PDB file of all heavy atoms in Angstrom:
ATOM      1  N   LEU A   1      -5.106  -1.823   6.981  1.00  0.00           N
ATOM      2  CA  LEU A   1      -6.291  -2.016   6.144  1.00  0.00           C
ATOM      3  C   LEU A   1      -6.024  -3.040   5.033  1.00  0.00           C
ATOM      4  O   LEU A   1      -6.872  -3.885   4.736  1.00  0.00           O
ATOM      5  CB  LEU A   1      -6.736  -0.687   5.538  1.00  0.00           C
ATOM      6  CG  LEU A   1      -7.431   0.293   6.493  1.00  0.00           C
ATOM      7  CD1 LEU A   1      -7.615   1.647   5.825  1.00  0.00           C
ATOM      8  CD2 LEU A   1      -8.776  -0.250   6.934  1.00  0.00           C
ATOM      9  N   CYS A   2      -4.850  -2.949   4.417  1.00  0.00           N
ATOM     10  CA  CYS A   2      -4.510  -3.911   3.357  1.00  0.00           C
ATOM     11  C   CYS A   2      -4.441  -5.332   3.907  1.00  0.00           C
ATOM     12  O   CYS A   2      -4.969  -6.279   3.305  1.00  0.00           O
ATOM     13  CB  CYS A   2      -3.173  -3.543   2.720  1.00  0.00           C
ATOM     14  SG  CYS A   2      -3.176  -1.997   1.789  1.00  0.00           S
ATOM     15  N   ALA A   3      -3.775  -5.474   5.048  1.00  0.00           N
ATOM     16  CA  ALA A   3      -3.645  -6.802   5.641  1.00  0.00           C
ATOM     17  C   ALA A   3      -5.006  -7.347   6.060  1.00  0.00           C
ATOM     18  O   ALA A   3      -5.324  -8.514   5.804  1.00  0.00           O
ATOM     19  CB  ALA A   3      -2.702  -6.742   6.844  1.00  0.00           C
ATOM     20  N   SER A   4      -5.813  -6.500   6.701  1.00  0.00           N
ATOM     21  CA  SER A   4      -7.108  -6.982   7.186  1.00  0.00           C
ATOM     22  C   SER A   4      -8.063  -7.291   6.035  1.00  0.00           C
ATOM     23  O   SER A   4      -8.829  -8.254   6.098  1.00  0.00           O
ATOM     24  CB  SER A   4      -7.738  -5.952   8.135  1.00  0.00           C
ATOM     25  OG  SER A   4      -7.989  -4.731   7.470  1.00  0.00           O
ATOM     26  N   GLN A   5      -8.008  -6.476   4.963  1.00  0.00           N
ATOM     27  CA  GLN A   5      -8.898  -6.750   3.837  1.00  0.00           C
ATOM     28  C   GLN A   5      -8.513  -8.038   3.133  1.00  0.00           C
ATOM     29  O   GLN A   5      -9.376  -8.815   2.707  1.00  0.00           O
ATOM     30  CB  GLN A   5      -8.892  -5.574   2.855  1.00  0.00           C
ATOM     31  CG  GLN A   5      -9.901  -5.673   1.727  1.00  0.00           C
ATOM     32  CD  GLN A   5     -11.358  -5.604   2.184  1.00  0.00           C
ATOM     33  OE1 GLN A   5     -11.660  -5.684   3.364  1.00  0.00           O
ATOM     34  NE2 GLN A   5     -12.271  -5.443   1.239  1.00  0.00           N
ATOM     35  N   SER A   6      -7.217  -8.304   3.019  1.00  0.00           N
ATOM     36  CA  SER A   6      -6.803  -9.561   2.386  1.00  0.00           C
ATOM     37  C   SER A   6      -7.137 -10.754   3.271  1.00  0.00           C
ATOM     38  O   SER A   6      -7.399 -11.854   2.779  1.00  0.00           O
ATOM     39  CB  SER A   6      -5.303  -9.534   2.069  1.00  0.00           C
ATOM     40  OG  SER A   6      -4.514  -9.613   3.239  1.00  0.00           O
ATOM     41  N   THR A   7      -7.149 -10.541   4.589  1.00  0.00           N
ATOM     42  CA  THR A   7      -7.529 -11.607   5.513  1.00  0.00           C
ATOM     43  C   THR A   7      -9.026 -11.865   5.453  1.00  0.00           C
ATOM     44  O   THR A   7      -9.487 -13.004   5.324  1.00  0.00           O
ATOM     45  CB  THR A   7      -7.128 -11.241   6.952  1.00  0.00           C
ATOM     46  OG1 THR A   7      -5.717 -11.044   7.024  1.00  0.00           O
ATOM     47  CG2 THR A   7      -7.526 -12.341   7.926  1.00  0.00           C
ATOM     48  N   ARG A   8      -9.808 -10.794   5.537  1.00  0.00           N
ATOM     49  CA  ARG A   8     -11.262 -10.927   5.609  1.00  0.00           C
ATOM     50  C   ARG A   8     -11.848 -11.487   4.312  1.00  0.00           C
ATOM     51  O   ARG A   8     -12.799 -12.275   4.323  1.00  0.00           O
ATOM     52  CB  ARG A   8     -11.886  -9.561   5.911  1.00  0.00           C
ATOM     53  CG  ARG A   8     -13.378  -9.604   6.209  1.00  0.00           C
ATOM     54  CD  ARG A   8     -13.916  -8.202   6.449  1.00  0.00           C
ATOM     55  NE  ARG A   8     -13.240  -7.534   7.523  1.00  0.00           N
ATOM     56  CZ  ARG A   8     -13.541  -7.694   8.824  1.00  0.00           C
ATOM     57  NH1 ARG A   8     -14.510  -8.519   9.162  1.00  0.00           N
ATOM     58  NH2 ARG A   8     -12.890  -7.036   9.746  1.00  0.00           N
ATOM     59  N   THR A   9     -11.279 -11.080   3.189  1.00  0.00           N
ATOM     60  CA  THR A   9     -11.824 -11.509   1.896  1.00  0.00           C
ATOM     61  C   THR A   9     -11.094 -12.717   1.323  1.00  0.00           C
ATOM     62  O   THR A   9     -11.397 -13.129   0.202  1.00  0.00           O
ATOM     63  CB  THR A   9     -11.757 -10.356   0.883  1.00  0.00           C
ATOM     64  OG1 THR A   9     -10.385  -9.962   0.708  1.00  0.00           O
ATOM     65  CG2 THR A   9     -12.567  -9.154   1.348  1.00  0.00           C
ATOM     66  N   LEU A  10     -10.131 -13.275   2.065  1.00  0.00           N
ATOM     67  CA  LEU A  10      -9.335 -14.401   1.569  1.00  0.00           C
ATOM     68  C   LEU A  10      -8.827 -14.084   0.166  1.00  0.00           C
ATOM     69  O   LEU A  10      -9.182 -14.721  -0.828  1.00  0.00           O
ATOM     70  CB  LEU A  10     -10.162 -15.687   1.562  1.00  0.00           C
ATOM     71  CG  LEU A  10     -10.716 -16.143   2.921  1.00  0.00           C
ATOM     72  CD1 LEU A  10     -11.471 -17.463   2.770  1.00  0.00           C
ATOM     73  CD2 LEU A  10      -9.619 -16.280   3.956  1.00  0.00           C
ATOM     74  N   SER A  11      -7.962 -13.099   0.096  1.00  0.00           N
ATOM     75  CA  SER A  11      -7.513 -12.591  -1.198  1.00  0.00           C
ATOM     76  C   SER A  11      -6.092 -12.086  -1.088  1.00  0.00           C
ATOM     77  O   SER A  11      -5.477 -12.112  -0.020  1.00  0.00           O
ATOM     78  CB  SER A  11      -8.422 -11.430  -1.640  1.00  0.00           C
ATOM     79  OG  SER A  11      -8.235 -10.319  -0.774  1.00  0.00           O
ATOM     80  N   ALA A  12      -5.591 -11.593  -2.222  1.00  0.00           N
ATOM     81  CA  ALA A  12      -4.365 -10.789  -2.241  1.00  0.00           C
ATOM     82  C   ALA A  12      -4.772  -9.336  -2.424  1.00  0.00           C
ATOM     83  O   ALA A  12      -5.783  -9.045  -3.082  1.00  0.00           O
ATOM     84  CB  ALA A  12      -3.452 -11.231  -3.376  1.00  0.00           C
ATOM     85  N   TYR A  13      -3.988  -8.423  -1.847  1.00  0.00           N
ATOM     86  CA  TYR A  13      -4.325  -6.999  -1.941  1.00  0.00           C
ATOM     87  C   TYR A  13      -3.076  -6.231  -2.368  1.00  0.00           C
ATOM     88  O   TYR A  13      -2.054  -6.255  -1.679  1.00  0.00           O
ATOM     89  CB  TYR A  13      -4.831  -6.467  -0.601  1.00  0.00           C
ATOM     90  CG  TYR A  13      -5.672  -5.214  -0.733  1.00  0.00           C
ATOM     91  CD1 TYR A  13      -7.050  -5.292  -0.861  1.00  0.00           C
ATOM     92  CD2 TYR A  13      -5.082  -3.955  -0.768  1.00  0.00           C
ATOM     93  CE1 TYR A  13      -7.839  -4.155  -1.000  1.00  0.00           C
ATOM     94  CE2 TYR A  13      -5.847  -2.810  -0.912  1.00  0.00           C
ATOM     95  CZ  TYR A  13      -7.222  -2.915  -1.028  1.00  0.00           C
ATOM     96  OH  TYR A  13      -8.001  -1.787  -1.181  1.00  0.00           O
ATOM     97  N   VAL A  14      -3.166  -5.580  -3.535  1.00  0.00           N
ATOM     98  CA  VAL A  14      -2.047  -4.820  -4.085  1.00  0.00           C
ATOM     99  C   VAL A  14      -2.376  -3.334  -3.935  1.00  0.00           C
ATOM    100  O   VAL A  14      -3.388  -2.854  -4.466  1.00  0.00           O
ATOM    101  CB  VAL A  14      -1.807  -5.157  -5.568  1.00  0.00           C
ATOM    102  CG1 VAL A  14      -0.584  -4.408  -6.088  1.00  0.00           C
ATOM    103  CG2 VAL A  14      -1.631  -6.663  -5.744  1.00  0.00           C
ATOM    104  N   PHE A  15      -1.526  -2.614  -3.227  1.00  0.00           N
ATOM    105  CA  PHE A  15      -1.774  -1.201  -2.918  1.00  0.00           C
ATOM    106  C   PHE A  15      -0.640  -0.355  -3.488  1.00  0.00           C
ATOM    107  O   PHE A  15       0.538  -0.623  -3.241  1.00  0.00           O
ATOM    108  CB  PHE A  15      -1.850  -1.016  -1.402  1.00  0.00           C
ATOM    109  CG  PHE A  15      -2.095   0.400  -0.945  1.00  0.00           C
ATOM    110  CD1 PHE A  15      -3.384   0.894  -0.838  1.00  0.00           C
ATOM    111  CD2 PHE A  15      -1.032   1.239  -0.618  1.00  0.00           C
ATOM    112  CE1 PHE A  15      -3.624   2.201  -0.406  1.00  0.00           C
ATOM    113  CE2 PHE A  15      -1.252   2.539  -0.188  1.00  0.00           C
ATOM    114  CZ  PHE A  15      -2.549   3.024  -0.086  1.00  0.00           C
ATOM    115  N   ALA A  16      -1.004   0.677  -4.277  1.00  0.00           N
ATOM    116  CA  ALA A  16       0.004   1.563  -4.876  1.00  0.00           C
ATOM    117  C   ALA A  16      -0.406   3.012  -4.636  1.00  0.00           C
ATOM    118  O   ALA A  16      -1.484   3.437  -5.075  1.00  0.00           O
ATOM    119  CB  ALA A  16       0.131   1.292  -6.376  1.00  0.00           C
ATOM    120  N   ALA A  17       0.427   3.778  -3.952  1.00  0.00           N
ATOM    121  CA  ALA A  17       0.108   5.171  -3.618  1.00  0.00           C
ATOM    122  C   ALA A  17       1.072   6.135  -4.301  1.00  0.00           C
ATOM    123  O   ALA A  17       2.217   5.788  -4.623  1.00  0.00           O
ATOM    124  CB  ALA A  17       0.153   5.380  -2.105  1.00  0.00           C
ATOM    125  N   SER A  18       0.618   7.355  -4.487  1.00  0.00           N
ATOM    126  CA  SER A  18       1.412   8.398  -5.151  1.00  0.00           C
ATOM    127  C   SER A  18       2.652   8.750  -4.334  1.00  0.00           C
ATOM    128  O   SER A  18       2.634   8.731  -3.101  1.00  0.00           O
ATOM    129  CB  SER A  18       0.571   9.658  -5.340  1.00  0.00           C
ATOM    130  OG  SER A  18      -0.553   9.388  -6.142  1.00  0.00           O
ATOM    131  N   GLY A  19       3.718   9.102  -5.055  1.00  0.00           N
ATOM    132  CA  GLY A  19       4.968   9.414  -4.381  1.00  0.00           C
ATOM    133  C   GLY A  19       5.606  10.695  -4.872  1.00  0.00           C
ATOM    134  O   GLY A  19       4.927  11.694  -5.133  1.00  0.00           O
ATOM    135  N   TRP A  20       6.906  10.648  -5.027  1.00  0.00           N
ATOM    136  CA  TRP A  20       7.725  11.823  -5.338  1.00  0.00           C
ATOM    137  C   TRP A  20       7.265  12.498  -6.629  1.00  0.00           C
ATOM    138  O   TRP A  20       7.002  11.844  -7.628  1.00  0.00           O
ATOM    139  CB  TRP A  20       9.191  11.418  -5.463  1.00  0.00           C
ATOM    140  CG  TRP A  20      10.078  12.517  -5.957  1.00  0.00           C
ATOM    141  CD1 TRP A  20      10.648  12.617  -7.178  1.00  0.00           C
ATOM    142  CD2 TRP A  20      10.473  13.680  -5.224  1.00  0.00           C
ATOM    143  NE1 TRP A  20      11.393  13.760  -7.275  1.00  0.00           N
ATOM    144  CE2 TRP A  20      11.301  14.446  -6.084  1.00  0.00           C
ATOM    145  CE3 TRP A  20      10.217  14.161  -3.940  1.00  0.00           C
ATOM    146  CZ2 TRP A  20      11.876  15.659  -5.685  1.00  0.00           C
ATOM    147  CZ3 TRP A  20      10.785  15.366  -3.543  1.00  0.00           C
ATOM    148  CH2 TRP A  20      11.600  16.094  -4.421  1.00  0.00           C
ATOM    149  N   GLY A  21       7.206  13.813  -6.569  1.00  0.00           N
ATOM    150  CA  GLY A  21       6.829  14.605  -7.728  1.00  0.00           C
ATOM    151  C   GLY A  21       5.424  15.155  -7.631  1.00  0.00           C
ATOM    152  O   GLY A  21       5.097  16.156  -8.280  1.00  0.00           O
ATOM    153  N   GLU A  22       4.570  14.491  -6.836  1.00  0.00           N
ATOM    154  CA  GLU A  22       3.209  14.988  -6.640  1.00  0.00           C
ATOM    155  C   GLU A  22       3.266  16.362  -5.965  1.00  0.00           C
ATOM    156  O   GLU A  22       4.181  16.658  -5.193  1.00  0.00           O
ATOM    157  CB  GLU A  22       2.421  13.996  -5.777  1.00  0.00           C
ATOM    158  CG  GLU A  22       0.943  14.296  -5.618  1.00  0.00           C
ATOM    159  CD  GLU A  22       0.177  14.264  -6.917  1.00  0.00           C
ATOM    160  OE1 GLU A  22      -0.197  13.171  -7.375  1.00  0.00           O
ATOM    161  OE2 GLU A  22      -0.033  15.357  -7.483  1.00  0.00           O
ATOM    162  N   SER A  23       2.317  17.228  -6.284  1.00  0.00           N
ATOM    163  CA  SER A  23       2.314  18.584  -5.744  1.00  0.00           C
ATOM    164  C   SER A  23       2.232  18.577  -4.220  1.00  0.00           C
ATOM    165  O   SER A  23       1.417  17.861  -3.634  1.00  0.00           O
ATOM    166  CB  SER A  23       1.128  19.370  -6.297  1.00  0.00           C
ATOM    167  OG  SER A  23       1.048  20.639  -5.682  1.00  0.00           O
ATOM    168  N   THR A  24       3.081  19.377  -3.583  1.00  0.00           N
ATOM    169  CA  THR A  24       3.087  19.465  -2.122  1.00  0.00           C
ATOM    170  C   THR A  24       2.602  20.839  -1.653  1.00  0.00           C
ATOM    171  O   THR A  24       3.071  21.370  -0.651  1.00  0.00           O
ATOM    172  CB  THR A  24       4.499  19.197  -1.562  1.00  0.00           C
ATOM    173  OG1 THR A  24       5.422  20.122  -2.152  1.00  0.00           O
ATOM    174  CG2 THR A  24       4.941  17.786  -1.869  1.00  0.00           C
ATOM    175  N   THR A  25       1.643  21.420  -2.395  1.00  0.00           N
ATOM    176  CA  THR A  25       1.104  22.725  -1.999  1.00  0.00           C
ATOM    177  C   THR A  25       0.646  22.700  -0.545  1.00  0.00           C
ATOM    178  O   THR A  25       0.984  23.578   0.250  1.00  0.00           O
ATOM    179  CB  THR A  25      -0.067  23.111  -2.917  1.00  0.00           C
ATOM    180  OG1 THR A  25       0.401  23.160  -4.263  1.00  0.00           O
ATOM    181  CG2 THR A  25      -0.639  24.464  -2.532  1.00  0.00           C
ATOM    182  N   ASP A  26      -0.130  21.681  -0.192  1.00  0.00           N
ATOM    183  CA  ASP A  26      -0.617  21.569   1.181  1.00  0.00           C
ATOM    184  C   ASP A  26      -0.427  20.181   1.775  1.00  0.00           C
ATOM    185  O   ASP A  26      -0.718  19.973   2.947  1.00  0.00           O
ATOM    186  CB  ASP A  26      -2.120  21.911   1.240  1.00  0.00           C
ATOM    187  CG  ASP A  26      -2.387  23.389   0.997  1.00  0.00           C
ATOM    188  OD1 ASP A  26      -1.834  24.204   1.750  1.00  0.00           O
ATOM    189  OD2 ASP A  26      -3.131  23.700   0.054  1.00  0.00           O
ATOM    190  N   LEU A  27       0.016  19.218   0.968  1.00  0.00           N
ATOM    191  CA  LEU A  27       0.117  17.833   1.422  1.00  0.00           C
ATOM    192  C   LEU A  27       1.461  17.238   1.007  1.00  0.00           C
ATOM    193  O   LEU A  27       2.180  17.821   0.199  1.00  0.00           O
ATOM    194  CB  LEU A  27      -1.016  16.991   0.815  1.00  0.00           C
ATOM    195  CG  LEU A  27      -2.451  17.448   1.090  1.00  0.00           C
ATOM    196  CD1 LEU A  27      -3.441  16.614   0.278  1.00  0.00           C
ATOM    197  CD2 LEU A  27      -2.771  17.355   2.571  1.00  0.00           C
ATOM    198  N   ALA A  28       1.782  16.076   1.560  1.00  0.00           N
ATOM    199  CA  ALA A  28       3.004  15.354   1.199  1.00  0.00           C
ATOM    200  C   ALA A  28       2.646  13.907   0.891  1.00  0.00           C
ATOM    201  O   ALA A  28       1.594  13.399   1.293  1.00  0.00           O
ATOM    202  CB  ALA A  28       4.022  15.418   2.330  1.00  0.00           C
ATOM    203  N   TRP A  29       3.560  13.222   0.185  1.00  0.00           N
ATOM    204  CA  TRP A  29       3.276  11.889  -0.346  1.00  0.00           C
ATOM    205  C   TRP A  29       4.470  10.973  -0.127  1.00  0.00           C
ATOM    206  O   TRP A  29       5.620  11.405  -0.246  1.00  0.00           O
ATOM    207  CB  TRP A  29       2.952  11.976  -1.843  1.00  0.00           C
ATOM    208  CG  TRP A  29       2.114  13.184  -2.151  1.00  0.00           C
ATOM    209  CD1 TRP A  29       2.556  14.455  -2.409  1.00  0.00           C
ATOM    210  CD2 TRP A  29       0.687  13.260  -2.157  1.00  0.00           C
ATOM    211  NE1 TRP A  29       1.494  15.308  -2.593  1.00  0.00           N
ATOM    212  CE2 TRP A  29       0.326  14.606  -2.448  1.00  0.00           C
ATOM    213  CE3 TRP A  29      -0.328  12.329  -1.967  1.00  0.00           C
ATOM    214  CZ2 TRP A  29      -0.983  15.034  -2.539  1.00  0.00           C
ATOM    215  CZ3 TRP A  29      -1.635  12.740  -2.068  1.00  0.00           C
ATOM    216  CH2 TRP A  29      -1.957  14.081  -2.347  1.00  0.00           C
ATOM    217  N   ASP A  30       4.204   9.724   0.192  1.00  0.00           N
ATOM    218  CA  ASP A  30       5.319   8.825   0.523  1.00  0.00           C
ATOM    219  C   ASP A  30       5.497   7.666  -0.451  1.00  0.00           C
ATOM    220  O   ASP A  30       6.451   6.910  -0.349  1.00  0.00           O
ATOM    221  CB  ASP A  30       5.151   8.267   1.935  1.00  0.00           C
ATOM    222  CG  ASP A  30       3.947   7.348   2.080  1.00  0.00           C
ATOM    223  OD1 ASP A  30       3.011   7.472   1.270  1.00  0.00           O
ATOM    224  OD2 ASP A  30       3.939   6.506   3.002  1.00  0.00           O
ATOM    225  N   GLY A  31       4.563   7.487  -1.395  1.00  0.00           N
ATOM    226  CA  GLY A  31       4.712   6.403  -2.370  1.00  0.00           C
ATOM    227  C   GLY A  31       4.653   5.020  -1.754  1.00  0.00           C
ATOM    228  O   GLY A  31       5.355   4.109  -2.204  1.00  0.00           O
ATOM    229  N   GLN A  32       3.815   4.832  -0.753  1.00  0.00           N
ATOM    230  CA  GLN A  32       3.708   3.522  -0.111  1.00  0.00           C
ATOM    231  C   GLN A  32       3.193   2.484  -1.111  1.00  0.00           C
ATOM    232  O   GLN A  32       2.230   2.715  -1.838  1.00  0.00           O
ATOM    233  CB  GLN A  32       2.766   3.598   1.093  1.00  0.00           C
ATOM    234  CG  GLN A  32       2.704   2.318   1.904  1.00  0.00           C
ATOM    235  CD  GLN A  32       1.912   2.488   3.191  1.00  0.00           C
ATOM    236  OE1 GLN A  32       1.253   3.511   3.398  1.00  0.00           O
ATOM    237  NE2 GLN A  32       1.979   1.506   4.070  1.00  0.00           N
ATOM    238  N   ALA A  33       3.843   1.336  -1.144  1.00  0.00           N
ATOM    239  CA  ALA A  33       3.447   0.236  -2.027  1.00  0.00           C
ATOM    240  C   ALA A  33       3.577  -1.065  -1.260  1.00  0.00           C
ATOM    241  O   ALA A  33       4.646  -1.371  -0.712  1.00  0.00           O
ATOM    242  CB  ALA A  33       4.317   0.201  -3.280  1.00  0.00           C
ATOM    243  N   THR A  34       2.492  -1.824  -1.196  1.00  0.00           N
ATOM    244  CA  THR A  34       2.515  -3.097  -0.475  1.00  0.00           C
ATOM    245  C   THR A  34       1.726  -4.150  -1.244  1.00  0.00           C
ATOM    246  O   THR A  34       0.813  -3.827  -2.006  1.00  0.00           O
ATOM    247  CB  THR A  34       1.903  -2.972   0.933  1.00  0.00           C
ATOM    248  OG1 THR A  34       0.557  -2.516   0.819  1.00  0.00           O
ATOM    249  CG2 THR A  34       2.694  -2.016   1.799  1.00  0.00           C
ATOM    250  N   ILE A  35       2.097  -5.401  -0.999  1.00  0.00           N
ATOM    251  CA  ILE A  35       1.349  -6.538  -1.546  1.00  0.00           C
ATOM    252  C   ILE A  35       1.134  -7.518  -0.395  1.00  0.00           C
ATOM    253  O   ILE A  35       2.104  -7.965   0.233  1.00  0.00           O
ATOM    254  CB  ILE A  35       2.100  -7.218  -2.701  1.00  0.00           C
ATOM    255  CG1 ILE A  35       2.375  -6.207  -3.826  1.00  0.00           C
ATOM    256  CG2 ILE A  35       1.296  -8.401  -3.238  1.00  0.00           C
ATOM    257  CD1 ILE A  35       3.258  -6.747  -4.942  1.00  0.00           C
ATOM    258  N   HIS A  36      -0.124  -7.807  -0.097  1.00  0.00           N
ATOM    259  CA  HIS A  36      -0.486  -8.740   0.968  1.00  0.00           C
ATOM    260  C   HIS A  36      -1.243  -9.928   0.382  1.00  0.00           C
ATOM    261  O   HIS A  36      -1.915  -9.796  -0.638  1.00  0.00           O
ATOM    262  CB  HIS A  36      -1.368  -8.062   2.024  1.00  0.00           C
ATOM    263  CG  HIS A  36      -0.653  -7.098   2.907  1.00  0.00           C
ATOM    264  ND1 HIS A  36      -0.322  -5.814   2.501  1.00  0.00           N
ATOM    265  CD2 HIS A  36      -0.205  -7.220   4.192  1.00  0.00           C
ATOM    266  CE1 HIS A  36       0.297  -5.188   3.496  1.00  0.00           C
ATOM    267  NE2 HIS A  36       0.375  -6.014   4.522  1.00  0.00           N
ATOM    268  N   GLU A  37      -1.134 -11.050   1.074  1.00  0.00           N
ATOM    269  CA  GLU A  37      -1.895 -12.241   0.684  1.00  0.00           C
ATOM    270  C   GLU A  37      -2.363 -12.955   1.936  1.00  0.00           C
ATOM    271  O   GLU A  37      -1.547 -13.323   2.792  1.00  0.00           O
ATOM    272  CB  GLU A  37      -1.025 -13.179  -0.147  1.00  0.00           C
ATOM    273  CG  GLU A  37      -1.703 -14.493  -0.551  1.00  0.00           C
ATOM    274  CD  GLU A  37      -0.719 -15.439  -1.213  1.00  0.00           C
ATOM    275  OE1 GLU A  37      -0.159 -15.059  -2.258  1.00  0.00           O
ATOM    276  OE2 GLU A  37      -0.489 -16.535  -0.667  1.00  0.00           O
ATOM    277  N   LEU A  38      -3.668 -13.111   2.073  1.00  0.00           N
ATOM    278  CA  LEU A  38      -4.255 -13.773   3.243  1.00  0.00           C
ATOM    279  C   LEU A  38      -3.673 -13.207   4.539  1.00  0.00           C
ATOM    280  O   LEU A  38      -3.370 -13.931   5.486  1.00  0.00           O
ATOM    281  CB  LEU A  38      -4.031 -15.283   3.173  1.00  0.00           C
ATOM    282  CG  LEU A  38      -4.632 -15.992   1.957  1.00  0.00           C
ATOM    283  CD1 LEU A  38      -4.254 -17.476   1.961  1.00  0.00           C
ATOM    284  CD2 LEU A  38      -6.142 -15.847   1.926  1.00  0.00           C
ATOM    285  N   GLY A  39      -3.508 -11.885   4.562  1.00  0.00           N
ATOM    286  CA  GLY A  39      -3.013 -11.207   5.746  1.00  0.00           C
ATOM    287  C   GLY A  39      -1.512 -11.100   5.856  1.00  0.00           C
ATOM    288  O   GLY A  39      -0.996 -10.324   6.680  1.00  0.00           O
ATOM    289  N   GLN A  40      -0.777 -11.843   5.058  1.00  0.00           N
ATOM    290  CA  GLN A  40       0.685 -11.844   5.123  1.00  0.00           C
ATOM    291  C   GLN A  40       1.253 -10.825   4.139  1.00  0.00           C
ATOM    292  O   GLN A  40       0.856 -10.780   2.981  1.00  0.00           O
ATOM    293  CB  GLN A  40       1.231 -13.231   4.777  1.00  0.00           C
ATOM    294  CG  GLN A  40       2.749 -13.309   4.719  1.00  0.00           C
ATOM    295  CD  GLN A  40       3.256 -14.618   4.132  1.00  0.00           C
ATOM    296  OE1 GLN A  40       2.471 -15.438   3.658  1.00  0.00           O
ATOM    297  NE2 GLN A  40       4.562 -14.814   4.150  1.00  0.00           N
ATOM    298  N   LYS A  41       2.190 -10.016   4.604  1.00  0.00           N
ATOM    299  CA  LYS A  41       2.838  -9.051   3.716  1.00  0.00           C
ATOM    300  C   LYS A  41       3.889  -9.764   2.882  1.00  0.00           C
ATOM    301  O   LYS A  41       4.850 -10.320   3.398  1.00  0.00           O
ATOM    302  CB  LYS A  41       3.477  -7.917   4.522  1.00  0.00           C
ATOM    303  CG  LYS A  41       4.106  -6.838   3.641  1.00  0.00           C
ATOM    304  CD  LYS A  41       4.495  -5.620   4.456  1.00  0.00           C
ATOM    305  CE  LYS A  41       5.583  -5.932   5.450  1.00  0.00           C
ATOM    306  NZ  LYS A  41       5.989  -4.742   6.232  1.00  0.00           N
ATOM    307  N   LEU A  42       3.701  -9.729   1.562  1.00  0.00           N
ATOM    308  CA  LEU A  42       4.644 -10.368   0.650  1.00  0.00           C
ATOM    309  C   LEU A  42       5.754  -9.424   0.211  1.00  0.00           C
ATOM    310  O   LEU A  42       6.882  -9.849  -0.034  1.00  0.00           O
ATOM    311  CB  LEU A  42       3.914 -10.887  -0.593  1.00  0.00           C
ATOM    312  CG  LEU A  42       2.794 -11.900  -0.397  1.00  0.00           C
ATOM    313  CD1 LEU A  42       2.258 -12.352  -1.756  1.00  0.00           C
ATOM    314  CD2 LEU A  42       3.271 -13.101   0.411  1.00  0.00           C
ATOM    315  N   ALA A  43       5.416  -8.151   0.060  1.00  0.00           N
ATOM    316  CA  ALA A  43       6.413  -7.192  -0.433  1.00  0.00           C
ATOM    317  C   ALA A  43       6.025  -5.797   0.006  1.00  0.00           C
ATOM    318  O   ALA A  43       4.844  -5.476   0.172  1.00  0.00           O
ATOM    319  CB  ALA A  43       6.514  -7.253  -1.956  1.00  0.00           C
ATOM    320  N   GLU A  44       7.040  -4.958   0.163  1.00  0.00           N
ATOM    321  CA  GLU A  44       6.824  -3.566   0.548  1.00  0.00           C
ATOM    322  C   GLU A  44       7.880  -2.711  -0.140  1.00  0.00           C
ATOM    323  O   GLU A  44       9.079  -3.034  -0.100  1.00  0.00           O
ATOM    324  CB  GLU A  44       6.929  -3.414   2.062  1.00  0.00           C
ATOM    325  CG  GLU A  44       6.675  -2.011   2.565  1.00  0.00           C
ATOM    326  CD  GLU A  44       6.692  -1.934   4.081  1.00  0.00           C
ATOM    327  OE1 GLU A  44       7.291  -2.819   4.721  1.00  0.00           O
ATOM    328  OE2 GLU A  44       6.085  -0.989   4.628  1.00  0.00           O
ATOM    329  N   GLY A  45       7.452  -1.643  -0.799  1.00  0.00           N
ATOM    330  CA  GLY A  45       8.382  -0.774  -1.496  1.00  0.00           C
ATOM    331  C   GLY A  45       9.034   0.238  -0.572  1.00  0.00           C
ATOM    332  O   GLY A  45       8.630   0.420   0.583  1.00  0.00           O
ATOM    333  N   GLU A  46      10.037   0.911  -1.097  1.00  0.00           N
ATOM    334  CA  GLU A  46      10.715   1.970  -0.347  1.00  0.00           C
ATOM    335  C   GLU A  46       9.832   3.213  -0.310  1.00  0.00           C
ATOM    336  O   GLU A  46       9.389   3.701  -1.348  1.00  0.00           O
ATOM    337  CB  GLU A  46      12.055   2.306  -1.005  1.00  0.00           C
ATOM    338  CG  GLU A  46      12.802   3.435  -0.315  1.00  0.00           C
ATOM    339  CD  GLU A  46      14.040   3.889  -1.072  1.00  0.00           C
ATOM    340  OE1 GLU A  46      14.362   3.238  -2.097  1.00  0.00           O
ATOM    341  OE2 GLU A  46      14.661   4.892  -0.668  1.00  0.00           O
ATOM    342  N   ARG A  47       9.574   3.698   0.867  1.00  0.00           N
ATOM    343  CA  ARG A  47       8.789   4.923   0.992  1.00  0.00           C
ATOM    344  C   ARG A  47       9.702   6.144   0.842  1.00  0.00           C
ATOM    345  O   ARG A  47      10.873   6.107   1.161  1.00  0.00           O
ATOM    346  CB  ARG A  47       8.080   4.967   2.345  1.00  0.00           C
ATOM    347  CG  ARG A  47       7.028   3.877   2.518  1.00  0.00           C
ATOM    348  CD  ARG A  47       6.495   3.826   3.927  1.00  0.00           C
ATOM    349  NE  ARG A  47       5.902   5.106   4.300  1.00  0.00           N
ATOM    350  CZ  ARG A  47       5.955   5.615   5.527  1.00  0.00           C
ATOM    351  NH1 ARG A  47       6.603   4.983   6.488  1.00  0.00           N
ATOM    352  NH2 ARG A  47       5.369   6.773   5.781  1.00  0.00           N
TER     353      ARG A  47
END
């Protein structure tokens, strides 16, 4: 979705998701972080 949105809108897309420490009562979290530009992935954090 990040890659396609940056491609379709001719933009950069910075995505930051919740990670370690978030409550895991019923769900889990991986802390995904990515930066895309015109569909190209520029950076990706450690999940």
